[in-house]
Amino acid sequence: MNIYVANIPWKASEEQLKQLFAEYGDVSSAKIIMDKVTQRSRGFGFVEMADDSAGRAAIAGLNGFDFLGKTLVVNEARPREEGGGSRGGSRGGFRGGYNKD
């Protein structure tokens, strides 16, 4: 089961996140998403658990949990949509001069 975790403190490590979820069962992976430019945590990540029932128990037990001073938001991750949606749309073409009639 893939689990989405939001509101992760910036000081948290992937190992700390993995240990937190390991209290509920076997954790396959724990990944905190990093900003490409600053290389700092973006405050969310994903935890993959081998067993769905352990994943559901972790969601129930950790959603709203205070982790290093921040309240976690924990949900089952939704599959990524193909295409990824729009990134803002068209700005249109060059419209020309100042006093267009």
N, C-alpha and C. Protein backbone atom coordinates (compact mmCIF):
# COMPACT_ATOMS: atom_id res chain seq x y z
N MET A 1 0.85 -1.18 0.00
CA MET A 1 0.00 0.00 0.00
C MET A 1 0.89 1.24 0.00
N ASN A 2 0.57 2.19 -0.85
CA ASN A 2 1.30 3.44 -0.94
C ASN A 2 0.54 4.49 -0.13
N ILE A 3 1.24 5.16 0.78
CA ILE A 3 0.63 6.10 1.71
C ILE A 3 1.22 7.49 1.50
N TYR A 4 0.35 8.49 1.39
CA TYR A 4 0.76 9.88 1.26
C TYR A 4 0.84 10.50 2.65
N VAL A 5 1.93 11.18 2.94
CA VAL A 5 2.13 11.81 4.24
C VAL A 5 2.42 13.29 4.01
N ALA A 6 1.59 14.17 4.58
CA ALA A 6 1.77 15.61 4.44
C ALA A 6 2.11 16.22 5.80
N ASN A 7 2.61 17.43 5.75
CA ASN A 7 2.97 18.20 6.94
C ASN A 7 4.14 17.58 7.70
N ILE A 8 5.08 17.00 6.95
CA ILE A 8 6.28 16.42 7.54
C ILE A 8 7.21 17.57 7.93
N PRO A 9 7.72 17.58 9.16
CA PRO A 9 8.65 18.64 9.56
C PRO A 9 9.90 18.63 8.68
N TRP A 10 10.43 19.82 8.39
CA TRP A 10 11.62 19.92 7.54
C TRP A 10 12.82 19.21 8.14
N LYS A 11 12.88 19.14 9.47
CA LYS A 11 14.03 18.51 10.13
C LYS A 11 13.95 16.99 10.15
N ALA A 12 12.82 16.42 9.73
CA ALA A 12 12.65 14.96 9.75
C ALA A 12 13.46 14.30 8.65
N SER A 13 13.97 13.11 8.95
CA SER A 13 14.70 12.34 7.94
C SER A 13 13.82 11.20 7.44
N GLU A 14 14.18 10.64 6.30
CA GLU A 14 13.45 9.49 5.76
C GLU A 14 13.52 8.32 6.73
N GLU A 15 14.66 8.16 7.40
CA GLU A 15 14.82 7.07 8.36
C GLU A 15 13.86 7.24 9.55
N GLN A 16 13.69 8.47 10.03
CA GLN A 16 12.75 8.72 11.13
C GLN A 16 11.32 8.43 10.69
N LEU A 17 10.99 8.81 9.47
CA LEU A 17 9.65 8.54 8.94
C LEU A 17 9.42 7.04 8.83
N LYS A 18 10.42 6.34 8.33
CA LYS A 18 10.33 4.88 8.19
C LYS A 18 10.14 4.22 9.55
N GLN A 19 10.89 4.65 10.56
CA GLN A 19 10.77 4.07 11.90
C GLN A 19 9.39 4.32 12.50
N LEU A 20 8.84 5.51 12.24
CA LEU A 20 7.50 5.84 12.75
C LEU A 20 6.46 4.87 12.20
N PHE A 21 6.51 4.62 10.90
CA PHE A 21 5.53 3.73 10.26
C PHE A 21 5.82 2.26 10.55
N ALA A 22 7.06 1.92 10.84
CA ALA A 22 7.44 0.54 11.13
C ALA A 22 6.76 0.00 12.39
N GLU A 23 6.27 0.89 13.24
CA GLU A 23 5.53 0.46 14.43
C GLU A 23 4.23 -0.26 14.05
N TYR A 24 3.78 -0.07 12.80
CA TYR A 24 2.52 -0.67 12.33
C TYR A 24 2.74 -1.86 11.40
N GLY A 25 3.96 -2.07 10.95
CA GLY A 25 4.23 -3.20 10.06
C GLY A 25 5.47 -2.94 9.22
N ASP A 26 5.71 -3.86 8.28
CA ASP A 26 6.89 -3.81 7.42
C ASP A 26 6.81 -2.64 6.44
N VAL A 27 7.81 -1.77 6.47
CA VAL A 27 7.87 -0.62 5.57
C VAL A 27 8.82 -0.95 4.43
N SER A 28 8.31 -0.94 3.20
CA SER A 28 9.14 -1.21 2.02
C SER A 28 10.03 -0.02 1.69
N SER A 29 9.46 1.20 1.81
CA SER A 29 10.25 2.40 1.53
C SER A 29 9.58 3.61 2.17
N ALA A 30 10.39 4.63 2.42
CA ALA A 30 9.91 5.91 2.92
C ALA A 30 10.67 6.99 2.17
N LYS A 31 9.96 7.90 1.54
CA LYS A 31 10.58 8.92 0.70
C LYS A 31 10.00 10.28 1.02
N ILE A 32 10.86 11.23 1.38
CA ILE A 32 10.46 12.61 1.57
C ILE A 32 10.80 13.35 0.28
N ILE A 33 9.85 14.07 -0.28
CA ILE A 33 10.05 14.76 -1.55
C ILE A 33 10.84 16.05 -1.29
N MET A 34 11.91 16.23 -2.08
CA MET A 34 12.81 17.37 -1.92
C MET A 34 12.61 18.36 -3.07
N ASP A 35 12.77 19.64 -2.76
CA ASP A 35 12.73 20.69 -3.76
C ASP A 35 13.97 20.57 -4.64
N LYS A 36 13.80 20.63 -5.95
CA LYS A 36 14.92 20.45 -6.88
C LYS A 36 15.94 21.58 -6.80
N VAL A 37 15.49 22.77 -6.51
CA VAL A 37 16.39 23.93 -6.49
C VAL A 37 17.10 24.06 -5.15
N THR A 38 16.33 24.06 -4.05
CA THR A 38 16.91 24.31 -2.73
C THR A 38 17.42 23.06 -2.04
N GLN A 39 17.00 21.89 -2.52
CA GLN A 39 17.34 20.60 -1.89
C GLN A 39 16.82 20.50 -0.46
N ARG A 40 15.75 21.25 -0.15
CA ARG A 40 15.10 21.15 1.16
C ARG A 40 13.81 20.36 1.00
N SER A 41 13.36 19.81 2.10
CA SER A 41 12.11 19.06 2.11
C SER A 41 10.96 19.94 1.66
N ARG A 42 10.04 19.36 0.89
CA ARG A 42 8.83 20.08 0.49
C ARG A 42 7.71 19.85 1.49
N GLY A 43 7.99 19.05 2.54
CA GLY A 43 7.02 18.86 3.61
C GLY A 43 6.02 17.74 3.38
N PHE A 44 6.26 16.93 2.35
CA PHE A 44 5.39 15.77 2.14
C PHE A 44 6.22 14.62 1.59
N GLY A 45 5.63 13.44 1.63
CA GLY A 45 6.34 12.27 1.13
C GLY A 45 5.43 11.07 1.01
N PHE A 46 6.04 9.92 0.78
CA PHE A 46 5.29 8.68 0.57
C PHE A 46 5.95 7.55 1.35
N VAL A 47 5.12 6.72 1.94
CA VAL A 47 5.59 5.53 2.63
C VAL A 47 4.91 4.34 1.97
N GLU A 48 5.68 3.33 1.64
CA GLU A 48 5.13 2.12 1.03
C GLU A 48 5.21 1.00 2.05
N MET A 49 4.05 0.38 2.30
CA MET A 49 4.00 -0.73 3.25
C MET A 49 3.59 -1.99 2.50
N ALA A 50 4.19 -3.11 2.88
CA ALA A 50 3.99 -4.38 2.18
C ALA A 50 2.57 -4.91 2.35
N ASP A 51 1.96 -4.67 3.49
CA ASP A 51 0.66 -5.25 3.82
C ASP A 51 -0.40 -4.16 3.89
N ASP A 52 -1.52 -4.33 3.16
CA ASP A 52 -2.60 -3.34 3.14
C ASP A 52 -3.22 -3.13 4.52
N SER A 53 -3.40 -4.18 5.29
CA SER A 53 -4.02 -4.02 6.61
C SER A 53 -3.10 -3.24 7.54
N ALA A 54 -1.79 -3.46 7.45
CA ALA A 54 -0.83 -2.68 8.24
C ALA A 54 -0.85 -1.22 7.78
N GLY A 55 -0.98 -1.00 6.48
CA GLY A 55 -1.07 0.35 5.94
C GLY A 55 -2.29 1.08 6.44
N ARG A 56 -3.43 0.41 6.47
CA ARG A 56 -4.66 1.03 6.98
C ARG A 56 -4.53 1.34 8.47
N ALA A 57 -3.89 0.44 9.22
CA ALA A 57 -3.67 0.68 10.65
C ALA A 57 -2.76 1.90 10.85
N ALA A 58 -1.73 2.02 10.01
CA ALA A 58 -0.82 3.16 10.10
C ALA A 58 -1.55 4.46 9.78
N ILE A 59 -2.40 4.45 8.76
CA ILE A 59 -3.18 5.63 8.40
C ILE A 59 -4.07 6.04 9.57
N ALA A 60 -4.78 5.07 10.14
CA ALA A 60 -5.68 5.35 11.27
C ALA A 60 -4.91 5.84 12.49
N GLY A 61 -3.75 5.26 12.73
CA GLY A 61 -2.98 5.61 13.92
C GLY A 61 -2.16 6.88 13.80
N LEU A 62 -1.75 7.25 12.59
CA LEU A 62 -0.83 8.37 12.44
C LEU A 62 -1.45 9.63 11.84
N ASN A 63 -2.64 9.54 11.28
CA ASN A 63 -3.31 10.74 10.78
C ASN A 63 -3.67 11.61 11.98
N GLY A 64 -3.12 12.82 12.03
CA GLY A 64 -3.34 13.71 13.17
C GLY A 64 -2.30 13.55 14.27
N PHE A 65 -1.32 12.67 14.07
CA PHE A 65 -0.27 12.40 15.05
C PHE A 65 0.74 13.54 15.07
N ASP A 66 1.19 13.95 16.27
CA ASP A 66 2.21 14.98 16.40
C ASP A 66 3.58 14.34 16.20
N PHE A 67 4.24 14.70 15.11
CA PHE A 67 5.55 14.15 14.76
C PHE A 67 6.55 15.30 14.72
N LEU A 68 7.45 15.32 15.68
CA LEU A 68 8.48 16.36 15.79
C LEU A 68 7.88 17.76 15.78
N GLY A 69 6.72 17.90 16.43
CA GLY A 69 6.11 19.22 16.58
C GLY A 69 5.12 19.61 15.50
N LYS A 70 4.88 18.77 14.52
CA LYS A 70 3.89 19.06 13.47
C LYS A 70 2.86 17.94 13.40
N THR A 71 1.64 18.28 13.09
CA THR A 71 0.55 17.31 12.99
C THR A 71 0.52 16.72 11.60
N LEU A 72 0.77 15.41 11.51
CA LEU A 72 0.80 14.73 10.21
C LEU A 72 -0.59 14.59 9.61
N VAL A 73 -0.65 14.64 8.29
CA VAL A 73 -1.84 14.31 7.53
C VAL A 73 -1.48 13.06 6.73
N VAL A 74 -2.19 11.95 6.99
CA VAL A 74 -1.83 10.66 6.41
C VAL A 74 -3.05 10.08 5.70
N ASN A 75 -2.89 9.76 4.41
CA ASN A 75 -3.97 9.19 3.59
C ASN A 75 -3.40 8.13 2.67
N GLU A 76 -4.29 7.30 2.14
CA GLU A 76 -3.86 6.39 1.08
C GLU A 76 -3.55 7.22 -0.15
N ALA A 77 -2.40 6.96 -0.75
CA ALA A 77 -2.00 7.73 -1.94
C ALA A 77 -2.89 7.36 -3.11
N ARG A 78 -3.28 8.37 -3.87
CA ARG A 78 -4.07 8.14 -5.09
C ARG A 78 -3.10 7.95 -6.24
N PRO A 79 -3.48 7.11 -7.20
CA PRO A 79 -2.61 6.93 -8.37
C PRO A 79 -2.44 8.25 -9.12
N ARG A 80 -1.26 8.44 -9.66
CA ARG A 80 -0.96 9.64 -10.42
C ARG A 80 -1.77 9.61 -11.71
N GLU A 81 -2.38 10.73 -12.05
CA GLU A 81 -3.17 10.79 -13.28
C GLU A 81 -2.25 10.94 -14.48
N GLU A 82 -2.59 10.23 -15.56
CA GLU A 82 -1.81 10.33 -16.79
C GLU A 82 -1.95 11.74 -17.36
N GLY A 83 -0.89 12.25 -17.90
CA GLY A 83 -0.92 13.58 -18.51
C GLY A 83 -0.58 14.68 -17.53
N GLY A 84 -0.86 14.50 -16.26
CA GLY A 84 -0.47 15.46 -15.24
C GLY A 84 -1.23 16.76 -15.23
N GLY A 85 -2.21 16.94 -16.10
CA GLY A 85 -2.99 18.17 -16.07
C GLY A 85 -2.28 19.34 -16.71
N SER A 86 -2.86 20.49 -16.56
CA SER A 86 -2.35 21.72 -17.18
C SER A 86 -1.38 22.43 -16.25
N ARG A 87 -0.42 23.08 -16.83
CA ARG A 87 0.54 23.87 -16.05
C ARG A 87 0.32 25.36 -16.29
N GLY A 88 -0.90 25.77 -16.51
CA GLY A 88 -1.16 27.20 -16.59
C GLY A 88 -1.83 27.68 -17.86
N GLY A 89 -1.77 26.92 -18.91
CA GLY A 89 -2.46 27.33 -20.12
C GLY A 89 -1.66 28.29 -20.99
N SER A 90 -2.24 28.65 -22.11
CA SER A 90 -1.57 29.50 -23.09
C SER A 90 -1.65 30.96 -22.69
N ARG A 91 -0.59 31.70 -22.97
CA ARG A 91 -0.59 33.13 -22.74
C ARG A 91 -1.00 33.88 -24.00
N GLY A 92 -1.20 33.16 -25.05
CA GLY A 92 -1.56 33.80 -26.31
C GLY A 92 -0.33 34.32 -27.04
N GLY A 93 -0.52 34.82 -28.20
CA GLY A 93 0.59 35.32 -29.00
C GLY A 93 0.89 36.78 -28.74
N PHE A 94 1.88 37.31 -29.43
CA PHE A 94 2.22 38.72 -29.34
C PHE A 94 1.11 39.53 -29.98
N ARG A 95 0.65 40.55 -29.31
CA ARG A 95 -0.52 41.29 -29.79
C ARG A 95 -0.16 42.59 -30.51
N GLY A 96 1.07 42.91 -30.58
CA GLY A 96 1.43 44.08 -31.37
C GLY A 96 1.59 45.35 -30.56
N GLY A 97 1.44 46.47 -31.27
CA GLY A 97 1.78 47.79 -30.74
C GLY A 97 0.84 48.36 -29.70
N TYR A 98 1.06 49.62 -29.46
CA TYR A 98 0.44 50.36 -28.39
C TYR A 98 -0.99 50.76 -28.67
N ASN A 99 -1.22 51.48 -29.76
CA ASN A 99 -2.54 52.03 -30.06
C ASN A 99 -3.21 51.21 -31.13
N LYS A 100 -3.53 50.02 -30.78
CA LYS A 100 -4.15 49.12 -31.75
C LYS A 100 -5.63 49.48 -31.91
N ASP A 101 -6.07 49.67 -33.16
CA ASP A 101 -7.46 50.03 -33.43
C ASP A 101 -8.26 48.85 -33.89
